[in-house]
Amino acid sequence: MRIYAIIDEQSNSSLVHGDILDYFGIEAESRQYSLSSCSGKVMMNGRRASGFVVQSLDGHNLELPTLIECAMIPNNRNEIPTCDVAANYQHLAPIAQFIPPLDAEAKILLLIGRDLMQAHHVLDQKIGKPYQPYAQRLKLGWIIVGESCLSGAHIPKDASVLKTFIDVNGKSSVLEPCSSKLHVSDCDQDKHLFKTTTYDDKPSLSIEDRCVSELMDTEMKRDDNIGIWSENVTVCKLDSR
């Protein structure tokens, strides 16, 4: 079965999609387990299977550990490395021949965790400039790490004249802006969001204090003989929300 596999050293167990188990006719009892991620902890049910062997396109084999069935394997195909991406970077061009073109039929159905350490061993690597993606050769082939964009934008699959995006420079474009791109610029001192003033490091008035202060400014008068007296005193209404 030809598939894409995720090499994830942050996972302590290797996961497999149910489509693989169904393809090979694995009939095992489903067992409950806890899955923790950035989204929190959830209880899952899945089969367990062993005896699988994964083979890279160049013929290297690795025996997989016990696989746990999981339907939540990340399916971000934008992270699949291709020979076209490598060919457009000077430091990655020499390895473009070792990276296959995108296979539209192959699905991302396997996640190899650190319970198979051999899959994470770095045998070689290609590093460019600090902001450019880099490549590593693992036992199962070359991988490319990093976001590959065209001047900070993603190339759309389909061009449409009915939908455009606004770039950071204010110009319209059919290219979807890259969410990983950060633009930093200096601000005018008079318009700076964090401009220092003489009121810094001073406690602010509460809603009640601010209301009373406004009430004294508008409804109270000072007499030289009897001090402060009230005229047309109103009630200040506070919103409990």
C-alpha atoms as a PDB file:
ATOM      1  CA  MET A   1       0.000   0.000   0.000  1.00  0.00           C
ATOM      2  CA  ARG A   2       1.554   3.294  -1.134  1.00  0.00           C
ATOM      3  CA  ILE A   3       1.075   6.036   1.475  1.00  0.00           C
ATOM      4  CA  TYR A   4       2.642   9.152   2.970  1.00  0.00           C
ATOM      5  CA  ALA A   5       4.037   8.902   6.506  1.00  0.00           C
ATOM      6  CA  ILE A   6       4.630  11.661   9.059  1.00  0.00           C
ATOM      7  CA  ILE A   7       7.876  11.460  11.032  1.00  0.00           C
ATOM      8  CA  ASP A   8       6.980  13.040  14.389  1.00  0.00           C
ATOM      9  CA  GLU A   9       9.516  12.905  17.217  1.00  0.00           C
ATOM     10  CA  GLN A  10       7.036  14.701  19.488  1.00  0.00           C
ATOM     11  CA  SER A  11       4.745  11.647  19.521  1.00  0.00           C
ATOM     12  CA  ASN A  12       5.629   8.849  21.924  1.00  0.00           C
ATOM     13  CA  SER A  13       3.684   6.235  19.921  1.00  0.00           C
ATOM     14  CA  SER A  14       3.180   5.417  16.270  1.00  0.00           C
ATOM     15  CA  LEU A  15      -0.346   5.844  14.923  1.00  0.00           C
ATOM     16  CA  VAL A  16      -2.082   4.304  11.940  1.00  0.00           C
ATOM     17  CA  HIS A  17      -5.284   5.216  10.148  1.00  0.00           C
ATOM     18  CA  GLY A  18      -8.059   2.646  10.057  1.00  0.00           C
ATOM     19  CA  ASP A  19      -7.888   2.510   6.251  1.00  0.00           C
ATOM     20  CA  ILE A  20      -4.565   0.655   6.477  1.00  0.00           C
ATOM     21  CA  LEU A  21      -5.908  -1.881   8.949  1.00  0.00           C
ATOM     22  CA  ASP A  22      -8.983  -2.452   6.806  1.00  0.00           C
ATOM     23  CA  TYR A  23      -6.826  -2.790   3.672  1.00  0.00           C
ATOM     24  CA  PHE A  24      -4.791  -5.581   5.279  1.00  0.00           C
ATOM     25  CA  GLY A  25      -7.820  -7.190   6.918  1.00  0.00           C
ATOM     26  CA  ILE A  26      -6.753  -6.607  10.518  1.00  0.00           C
ATOM     27  CA  GLU A  27      -9.492  -7.811  12.848  1.00  0.00           C
ATOM     28  CA  ALA A  28      -8.556  -6.849  16.384  1.00  0.00           C
ATOM     29  CA  GLU A  29     -10.500  -5.783  19.415  1.00  0.00           C
ATOM     30  CA  SER A  30     -10.827  -2.017  19.825  1.00  0.00           C
ATOM     31  CA  ARG A  31      -9.320  -0.697  23.061  1.00  0.00           C
ATOM     32  CA  GLN A  32      -9.621   2.666  24.755  1.00  0.00           C
ATOM     33  CA  TYR A  33      -6.647   5.013  25.098  1.00  0.00           C
ATOM     34  CA  SER A  34      -5.952   8.638  25.977  1.00  0.00           C
ATOM     35  CA  LEU A  35      -4.688  11.002  23.282  1.00  0.00           C
ATOM     36  CA  SER A  36      -3.058  14.264  24.407  1.00  0.00           C
ATOM     37  CA  SER A  37      -2.306  17.120  22.029  1.00  0.00           C
ATOM     38  CA  CYS A  38      -2.220  20.927  21.963  1.00  0.00           C
ATOM     39  CA  SER A  39      -6.026  20.822  21.865  1.00  0.00           C
ATOM     40  CA  GLY A  40      -6.204  18.919  25.164  1.00  0.00           C
ATOM     41  CA  LYS A  41      -6.759  15.319  26.194  1.00  0.00           C
ATOM     42  CA  VAL A  42      -9.446  13.115  24.633  1.00  0.00           C
ATOM     43  CA  MET A  43     -10.409   9.481  25.079  1.00  0.00           C
ATOM     44  CA  MET A  44     -10.144   7.398  21.898  1.00  0.00           C
ATOM     45  CA  ASN A  45     -10.897   3.859  20.830  1.00  0.00           C
ATOM     46  CA  GLY A  46      -8.791   1.977  18.341  1.00  0.00           C
ATOM     47  CA  ARG A  47      -7.334  -1.332  17.245  1.00  0.00           C
ATOM     48  CA  ARG A  48      -3.696  -2.305  17.729  1.00  0.00           C
ATOM     49  CA  ALA A  49      -1.648  -4.119  15.123  1.00  0.00           C
ATOM     50  CA  SER A  50       1.925  -5.346  14.832  1.00  0.00           C
ATOM     51  CA  GLY A  51       4.109  -7.038  12.229  1.00  0.00           C
ATOM     52  CA  PHE A  52       4.042  -4.186   9.683  1.00  0.00           C
ATOM     53  CA  VAL A  53       7.086  -3.238   7.625  1.00  0.00           C
ATOM     54  CA  VAL A  54       7.518   0.175   5.985  1.00  0.00           C
ATOM     55  CA  GLN A  55       9.721   0.547   2.920  1.00  0.00           C
ATOM     56  CA  SER A  56      11.095   3.755   1.423  1.00  0.00           C
ATOM     57  CA  LEU A  57      10.997   4.336  -2.316  1.00  0.00           C
ATOM     58  CA  ASP A  58      14.702   3.514  -2.543  1.00  0.00           C
ATOM     59  CA  GLY A  59      14.193   0.136  -0.862  1.00  0.00           C
ATOM     60  CA  HIS A  60      15.143   0.677   2.800  1.00  0.00           C
ATOM     61  CA  ASN A  61      12.979  -1.349   5.206  1.00  0.00           C
ATOM     62  CA  LEU A  62      12.056  -0.663   8.817  1.00  0.00           C
ATOM     63  CA  GLU A  63       9.973  -2.889  11.055  1.00  0.00           C
ATOM     64  CA  LEU A  64       7.242  -0.794  12.650  1.00  0.00           C
ATOM     65  CA  PRO A  65       6.368  -1.053  16.343  1.00  0.00           C
ATOM     66  CA  THR A  66       2.844  -1.819  17.515  1.00  0.00           C
ATOM     67  CA  LEU A  67       0.553   0.624  15.732  1.00  0.00           C
ATOM     68  CA  ILE A  68      -2.462   2.232  17.374  1.00  0.00           C
ATOM     69  CA  GLU A  69      -5.476   3.070  15.256  1.00  0.00           C
ATOM     70  CA  CYS A  70      -6.249   6.782  15.176  1.00  0.00           C
ATOM     71  CA  ALA A  71      -8.518   8.798  12.893  1.00  0.00           C
ATOM     72  CA  MET A  72      -6.940  12.144  13.931  1.00  0.00           C
ATOM     73  CA  ILE A  73      -3.637  11.843  12.057  1.00  0.00           C
ATOM     74  CA  PRO A  74      -2.821  15.324  10.626  1.00  0.00           C
ATOM     75  CA  ASN A  75      -3.710  15.532   6.953  1.00  0.00           C
ATOM     76  CA  ASN A  76      -1.929  18.717   5.855  1.00  0.00           C
ATOM     77  CA  ARG A  77      -0.761  17.908   2.327  1.00  0.00           C
ATOM     78  CA  ASN A  78       0.901  21.327   2.034  1.00  0.00           C
ATOM     79  CA  GLU A  79       3.761  19.915   4.121  1.00  0.00           C
ATOM     80  CA  ILE A  80       4.546  17.092   1.692  1.00  0.00           C
ATOM     81  CA  PRO A  81       8.010  17.736   0.170  1.00  0.00           C
ATOM     82  CA  THR A  82       8.271  17.623  -3.620  1.00  0.00           C
ATOM     83  CA  CYS A  83      11.059  17.737  -6.160  1.00  0.00           C
ATOM     84  CA  ASP A  84       9.687  21.025  -7.540  1.00  0.00           C
ATOM     85  CA  VAL A  85      10.180  22.754  -4.172  1.00  0.00           C
ATOM     86  CA  ALA A  86      13.731  21.454  -3.857  1.00  0.00           C
ATOM     87  CA  ALA A  87      14.615  22.484  -7.419  1.00  0.00           C
ATOM     88  CA  ASN A  88      13.758  26.132  -6.690  1.00  0.00           C
ATOM     89  CA  TYR A  89      16.326  26.449  -3.890  1.00  0.00           C
ATOM     90  CA  GLN A  90      20.010  26.523  -4.712  1.00  0.00           C
ATOM     91  CA  HIS A  91      21.046  24.519  -1.655  1.00  0.00           C
ATOM     92  CA  LEU A  92      18.296  21.910  -2.209  1.00  0.00           C
ATOM     93  CA  ALA A  93      18.595  21.546  -5.987  1.00  0.00           C
ATOM     94  CA  PRO A  94      21.193  18.693  -5.768  1.00  0.00           C
ATOM     95  CA  ILE A  95      18.705  16.468  -3.890  1.00  0.00           C
ATOM     96  CA  ALA A  96      15.658  17.242  -6.060  1.00  0.00           C
ATOM     97  CA  GLN A  97      16.234  13.997  -7.980  1.00  0.00           C
ATOM     98  CA  PHE A  98      15.777  12.002  -4.767  1.00  0.00           C
ATOM     99  CA  ILE A  99      12.379  13.509  -3.888  1.00  0.00           C
ATOM    100  CA  PRO A 100       9.423  12.147  -5.874  1.00  0.00           C
ATOM    101  CA  PRO A 101       6.702  14.363  -7.369  1.00  0.00           C
ATOM    102  CA  LEU A 102       3.460  14.720  -5.463  1.00  0.00           C
ATOM    103  CA  ASP A 103       1.350  11.554  -5.560  1.00  0.00           C
ATOM    104  CA  ALA A 104      -2.306  12.585  -5.639  1.00  0.00           C
ATOM    105  CA  GLU A 105      -3.463   9.023  -4.956  1.00  0.00           C
ATOM    106  CA  ALA A 106      -1.349   8.418  -1.845  1.00  0.00           C
ATOM    107  CA  LYS A 107      -2.905   9.487   1.459  1.00  0.00           C
ATOM    108  CA  ILE A 108      -1.313  10.468   4.779  1.00  0.00           C
ATOM    109  CA  LEU A 109      -2.201   7.409   6.845  1.00  0.00           C
ATOM    110  CA  LEU A 110       0.789   6.751   9.122  1.00  0.00           C
ATOM    111  CA  LEU A 111       2.517   8.686  11.897  1.00  0.00           C
ATOM    112  CA  ILE A 112       5.839   7.299  13.081  1.00  0.00           C
ATOM    113  CA  GLY A 113       6.673   8.390  16.615  1.00  0.00           C
ATOM    114  CA  ARG A 114       9.795   8.109  18.692  1.00  0.00           C
ATOM    115  CA  ASP A 115       9.029   4.486  19.551  1.00  0.00           C
ATOM    116  CA  LEU A 116      10.897   3.805  16.278  1.00  0.00           C
ATOM    117  CA  MET A 117      14.068   5.836  16.825  1.00  0.00           C
ATOM    118  CA  GLN A 118      15.784   4.549  13.673  1.00  0.00           C
ATOM    119  CA  ALA A 119      13.279   6.478  11.560  1.00  0.00           C
ATOM    120  CA  HIS A 120      14.421   9.772  13.135  1.00  0.00           C
ATOM    121  CA  HIS A 121      18.185   9.356  12.638  1.00  0.00           C
ATOM    122  CA  VAL A 122      19.591  12.187  10.486  1.00  0.00           C
ATOM    123  CA  LEU A 123      22.055  10.748   7.964  1.00  0.00           C
ATOM    124  CA  ASP A 124      22.692  13.942   6.001  1.00  0.00           C
ATOM    125  CA  GLN A 125      21.338  17.475   5.738  1.00  0.00           C
ATOM    126  CA  LYS A 126      21.316  20.496   3.443  1.00  0.00           C
ATOM    127  CA  ILE A 127      21.124  23.948   5.060  1.00  0.00           C
ATOM    128  CA  GLY A 128      20.728  27.269   3.275  1.00  0.00           C
ATOM    129  CA  LYS A 129      20.178  30.763   4.605  1.00  0.00           C
ATOM    130  CA  PRO A 130      18.609  31.196   8.071  1.00  0.00           C
ATOM    131  CA  TYR A 131      15.130  31.914   6.723  1.00  0.00           C
ATOM    132  CA  GLN A 132      15.100  29.184   4.058  1.00  0.00           C
ATOM    133  CA  PRO A 133      13.780  25.612   4.418  1.00  0.00           C
ATOM    134  CA  TYR A 134      16.341  22.888   4.983  1.00  0.00           C
ATOM    135  CA  ALA A 135      16.443  19.205   4.098  1.00  0.00           C
ATOM    136  CA  GLN A 136      17.374  16.100   6.060  1.00  0.00           C
ATOM    137  CA  ARG A 137      17.990  12.562   4.857  1.00  0.00           C
ATOM    138  CA  LEU A 138      16.406   9.969   7.105  1.00  0.00           C
ATOM    139  CA  LYS A 139      16.269   6.196   6.817  1.00  0.00           C
ATOM    140  CA  LEU A 140      13.046   6.527   4.827  1.00  0.00           C
ATOM    141  CA  GLY A 141      14.259   9.269   2.476  1.00  0.00           C
ATOM    142  CA  TRP A 142      14.710  13.025   2.236  1.00  0.00           C
ATOM    143  CA  ILE A 143      12.395  15.444   4.017  1.00  0.00           C
ATOM    144  CA  ILE A 144      12.116  19.230   3.714  1.00  0.00           C
ATOM    145  CA  VAL A 145      11.518  21.234   6.870  1.00  0.00           C
ATOM    146  CA  GLY A 146      10.126  24.742   6.702  1.00  0.00           C
ATOM    147  CA  GLU A 147       7.554  26.865   4.914  1.00  0.00           C
ATOM    148  CA  SER A 148       8.134  27.266   1.193  1.00  0.00           C
ATOM    149  CA  CYS A 149       6.385  30.404  -0.116  1.00  0.00           C
ATOM    150  CA  LEU A 150       6.574  32.591  -3.201  1.00  0.00           C
ATOM    151  CA  SER A 151       7.545  36.032  -1.847  1.00  0.00           C
ATOM    152  CA  GLY A 152       5.443  35.416   1.257  1.00  0.00           C
ATOM    153  CA  ALA A 153       2.400  33.990  -0.548  1.00  0.00           C
ATOM    154  CA  HIS A 154       1.059  30.541  -1.373  1.00  0.00           C
ATOM    155  CA  ILE A 155       0.445  29.550  -4.997  1.00  0.00           C
ATOM    156  CA  PRO A 156      -3.313  28.855  -5.396  1.00  0.00           C
ATOM    157  CA  LYS A 157      -4.496  25.573  -6.886  1.00  0.00           C
ATOM    158  CA  ASP A 158      -7.103  27.355  -9.018  1.00  0.00           C
ATOM    159  CA  ALA A 159      -6.918  30.943 -10.249  1.00  0.00           C
ATOM    160  CA  SER A 160     -10.156  32.893  -9.871  1.00  0.00           C
ATOM    161  CA  VAL A 161     -10.832  36.441 -10.997  1.00  0.00           C
ATOM    162  CA  LEU A 162     -13.771  36.638  -8.588  1.00  0.00           C
ATOM    163  CA  LYS A 163     -11.646  36.407  -5.454  1.00  0.00           C
ATOM    164  CA  THR A 164      -8.530  38.375  -4.592  1.00  0.00           C
ATOM    165  CA  PHE A 165      -6.395  38.850  -1.497  1.00  0.00           C
ATOM    166  CA  ILE A 166      -4.844  41.989  -0.055  1.00  0.00           C
ATOM    167  CA  ASP A 167      -1.095  41.780   0.476  1.00  0.00           C
ATOM    168  CA  VAL A 168       0.702  43.474   3.388  1.00  0.00           C
ATOM    169  CA  ASN A 169       1.724  46.286   1.046  1.00  0.00           C
ATOM    170  CA  GLY A 170      -1.939  47.026   0.256  1.00  0.00           C
ATOM    171  CA  LYS A 171      -1.911  45.607  -3.265  1.00  0.00           C
ATOM    172  CA  SER A 172      -4.483  43.072  -4.466  1.00  0.00           C
ATOM    173  CA  SER A 173      -3.300  39.616  -5.554  1.00  0.00           C
ATOM    174  CA  VAL A 174      -4.688  36.206  -6.540  1.00  0.00           C
ATOM    175  CA  LEU A 175      -2.035  34.588  -4.313  1.00  0.00           C
ATOM    176  CA  GLU A 176      -3.132  33.653  -0.811  1.00  0.00           C
ATOM    177  CA  PRO A 177      -0.988  35.482   1.790  1.00  0.00           C
ATOM    178  CA  CYS A 178       1.246  33.251   3.901  1.00  0.00           C
ATOM    179  CA  SER A 179       0.035  33.136   7.495  1.00  0.00           C
ATOM    180  CA  SER A 180       3.598  32.521   8.715  1.00  0.00           C
ATOM    181  CA  LYS A 181       4.891  35.810   7.338  1.00  0.00           C
ATOM    182  CA  LEU A 182       5.392  38.591   9.893  1.00  0.00           C
ATOM    183  CA  HIS A 183       5.975  42.162   8.813  1.00  0.00           C
ATOM    184  CA  VAL A 184       7.656  44.517  11.302  1.00  0.00           C
ATOM    185  CA  SER A 185       8.050  48.250  10.705  1.00  0.00           C
ATOM    186  CA  ASP A 186       8.921  51.307  12.775  1.00  0.00           C
ATOM    187  CA  CYS A 187       6.101  53.597  13.901  1.00  0.00           C
ATOM    188  CA  ASP A 188       6.045  57.378  14.087  1.00  0.00           C
ATOM    189  CA  GLN A 189       6.790  58.422  17.663  1.00  0.00           C
ATOM    190  CA  ASP A 190       3.632  60.565  17.902  1.00  0.00           C
ATOM    191  CA  LYS A 191       1.473  57.662  16.761  1.00  0.00           C
ATOM    192  CA  HIS A 192       3.300  54.896  18.572  1.00  0.00           C
ATOM    193  CA  LEU A 193       0.994  52.466  20.329  1.00  0.00           C
ATOM    194  CA  PHE A 194       3.307  52.224  23.326  1.00  0.00           C
ATOM    195  CA  LYS A 195       4.274  55.892  23.599  1.00  0.00           C
ATOM    196  CA  THR A 196       5.397  56.829  27.116  1.00  0.00           C
ATOM    197  CA  THR A 197       3.461  59.577  28.902  1.00  0.00           C
ATOM    198  CA  THR A 198       3.419  61.259  32.318  1.00  0.00           C
ATOM    199  CA  TYR A 199       0.450  59.075  33.251  1.00  0.00           C
ATOM    200  CA  ASP A 200       2.383  55.805  33.025  1.00  0.00           C
ATOM    201  CA  ASP A 201       2.746  53.585  36.106  1.00  0.00           C
ATOM    202  CA  LYS A 202      -0.237  55.217  37.798  1.00  0.00           C
ATOM    203  CA  PRO A 203      -3.336  53.316  38.949  1.00  0.00           C
ATOM    204  CA  SER A 204      -6.425  53.888  36.846  1.00  0.00           C
ATOM    205  CA  LEU A 205      -9.784  54.956  38.275  1.00  0.00           C
ATOM    206  CA  SER A 206     -12.458  52.325  38.733  1.00  0.00           C
ATOM    207  CA  ILE A 207     -15.838  52.711  37.032  1.00  0.00           C
ATOM    208  CA  GLU A 208     -17.334  53.993  40.289  1.00  0.00           C
ATOM    209  CA  ASP A 209     -14.495  56.487  40.889  1.00  0.00           C
ATOM    210  CA  ARG A 210     -14.677  57.749  37.315  1.00  0.00           C
ATOM    211  CA  CYS A 211     -18.458  58.209  37.607  1.00  0.00           C
ATOM    212  CA  VAL A 212     -18.128  60.097  40.888  1.00  0.00           C
ATOM    213  CA  SER A 213     -15.389  62.292  39.421  1.00  0.00           C
ATOM    214  CA  GLU A 214     -17.565  63.187  36.451  1.00  0.00           C
ATOM    215  CA  LEU A 215     -20.490  63.846  38.790  1.00  0.00           C
ATOM    216  CA  MET A 216     -18.442  66.281  40.890  1.00  0.00           C
ATOM    217  CA  ASP A 217     -17.203  68.094  37.784  1.00  0.00           C
ATOM    218  CA  THR A 218     -20.685  68.611  36.337  1.00  0.00           C
ATOM    219  CA  GLU A 219     -23.046  68.770  39.323  1.00  0.00           C
ATOM    220  CA  MET A 220     -21.011  70.222  42.211  1.00  0.00           C
ATOM    221  CA  LYS A 221     -20.048  73.870  42.940  1.00  0.00           C
ATOM    222  CA  ARG A 222     -17.671  75.345  45.500  1.00  0.00           C
ATOM    223  CA  ASP A 223     -18.695  78.199  47.823  1.00  0.00           C
ATOM    224  CA  ASP A 224     -16.071  80.256  49.628  1.00  0.00           C
ATOM    225  CA  ASN A 225     -18.097  80.226  52.882  1.00  0.00           C
ATOM    226  CA  ILE A 226     -19.594  76.727  53.229  1.00  0.00           C
ATOM    227  CA  GLY A 227     -17.281  74.696  51.004  1.00  0.00           C
ATOM    228  CA  ILE A 228     -18.717  72.267  48.446  1.00  0.00           C
ATOM    229  CA  TRP A 229     -22.458  72.007  47.950  1.00  0.00           C
ATOM    230  CA  SER A 230     -24.662  70.116  45.508  1.00  0.00           C
ATOM    231  CA  GLU A 231     -26.920  71.356  42.766  1.00  0.00           C
ATOM    232  CA  ASN A 232     -29.154  69.119  40.638  1.00  0.00           C
ATOM    233  CA  VAL A 233     -27.533  65.921  41.890  1.00  0.00           C
ATOM    234  CA  THR A 234     -28.200  62.947  39.564  1.00  0.00           C
ATOM    235  CA  VAL A 235     -27.865  59.213  40.027  1.00  0.00           C
ATOM    236  CA  CYS A 236     -24.967  57.458  38.328  1.00  0.00           C
ATOM    237  CA  LYS A 237     -26.040  54.134  36.807  1.00  0.00           C
ATOM    238  CA  LEU A 238     -23.525  51.291  36.609  1.00  0.00           C
ATOM    239  CA  ASP A 239     -23.784  48.279  34.347  1.00  0.00           C
ATOM    240  CA  SER A 240     -23.230  45.111  36.378  1.00  0.00           C
ATOM    241  CA  ARG A 241     -22.171  43.195  33.294  1.00  0.00           C
END
